[in-house]
């Protein structure tokens, strides 16, 4: 396995973990909702550059739902999950 593939898999796992925490945070925590709203409003106020940063953030998390689905299908962080990435 190449270094690029290893790093790519680690980034996918990290993104899935972060998105899961944000999803749980939206349900339970007002602070996380306020922070996400503040981030969006800050990016919005920076105009074109803020829009590019926002699109980059969205693009970074584009494969995260697939990764979460693979994680649940494999029933945890094991070789089946790692090989599916």
Protein backbone atom coordinates (compact mmCIF):
# COMPACT_ATOMS: atom_id res chain seq x y z
CA UNK A 1 0.00 0.00 0.00
CA UNK A 2 1.41 3.36 -0.97
CA UNK A 3 1.90 6.23 1.43
CA UNK A 4 -0.68 8.29 -0.48
CA UNK A 5 -3.34 5.60 -0.05
CA UNK A 6 -2.53 5.29 3.66
CA UNK A 7 -2.82 9.03 4.22
CA UNK A 8 -6.00 9.15 2.15
CA UNK A 9 -7.59 6.41 4.26
CA UNK A 10 -6.60 8.14 7.50
CA UNK A 11 -8.09 11.43 6.28
CA UNK A 12 -11.34 9.67 5.31
CA UNK A 13 -11.60 8.10 8.77
CA UNK A 14 -10.85 11.43 10.46
CA UNK A 15 -13.48 13.22 8.33
CA UNK A 16 -16.08 10.57 9.15
CA UNK A 17 -15.31 10.89 12.86
CA UNK A 18 -15.51 14.70 12.78
CA UNK A 19 -18.79 14.70 10.82
CA UNK A 20 -20.29 12.16 13.23
CA UNK A 21 -19.34 14.33 16.20
CA UNK A 22 -20.79 17.41 14.54
CA UNK A 23 -24.01 15.52 13.79
CA UNK A 24 -24.33 14.42 17.40
CA UNK A 25 -23.45 17.93 18.53
CA UNK A 26 -26.24 19.45 16.43
CA UNK A 27 -28.71 17.24 18.24
CA UNK A 28 -27.46 17.86 21.78
CA UNK A 29 -25.38 21.03 22.06
CA UNK A 30 -26.37 24.64 21.49
CA UNK A 31 -22.68 25.65 21.57
CA UNK A 32 -21.82 23.53 18.53
CA UNK A 33 -24.76 24.95 16.59
CA UNK A 34 -23.64 28.48 17.50
CA UNK A 35 -20.05 27.75 16.44
CA UNK A 36 -21.15 26.36 13.06
CA UNK A 37 -23.40 29.38 12.49
CA UNK A 38 -20.53 31.69 13.44
CA UNK A 39 -18.20 29.90 11.01
CA UNK A 40 -20.74 30.20 8.19
CA UNK A 41 -21.36 33.89 8.88
CA UNK A 42 -17.62 34.60 9.02
CA UNK A 43 -17.05 32.88 5.69
CA UNK A 44 -20.06 34.70 4.23
CA UNK A 45 -18.67 38.06 5.31
CA UNK A 46 -15.37 37.41 3.48
CA UNK A 47 -17.15 37.30 0.13
CA UNK A 48 -15.51 35.43 -2.73
CA UNK A 49 -12.61 34.03 -0.69
CA UNK A 50 -15.02 32.89 2.02
CA UNK A 51 -17.11 31.18 -0.65
CA UNK A 52 -14.06 29.33 -1.97
CA UNK A 53 -13.13 28.22 1.56
CA UNK A 54 -16.72 27.07 2.18
CA UNK A 55 -16.77 25.07 -1.06
CA UNK A 56 -13.39 23.56 -0.13
CA UNK A 57 -14.75 22.47 3.25
CA UNK A 58 -17.80 20.90 1.60
CA UNK A 59 -15.57 19.16 -0.96
CA UNK A 60 -13.36 17.78 1.83
CA UNK A 61 -16.36 16.03 3.42
CA UNK A 62 -17.94 14.74 0.16
CA UNK A 63 -17.07 11.05 0.75
CA UNK A 64 -17.75 11.04 4.48
CA UNK A 65 -21.27 9.50 4.36
CA UNK A 66 -19.91 6.58 2.32
CA UNK A 67 -17.11 6.09 4.85
CA UNK A 68 -19.54 6.10 7.77
CA UNK A 69 -21.71 3.54 5.97
CA UNK A 70 -18.65 1.31 5.38
CA UNK A 71 -17.70 1.65 9.06
CA UNK A 72 -21.12 0.49 10.24
CA UNK A 73 -21.20 -2.30 7.65
CA UNK A 74 -17.81 -3.61 8.84
CA UNK A 75 -18.94 -3.26 12.49
CA UNK A 76 -15.90 -1.29 13.58
CA UNK A 77 -12.35 -0.37 12.69
CA UNK A 78 -11.02 -3.69 11.39
CA UNK A 79 -9.29 -5.04 8.31
CA UNK A 80 -12.58 -5.36 6.40
CA UNK A 81 -13.25 -1.66 6.87
CA UNK A 82 -9.66 -0.71 6.06
CA UNK A 83 -9.65 -2.79 2.85
CA UNK A 84 -12.99 -1.32 1.74
CA UNK A 85 -11.58 2.20 1.86
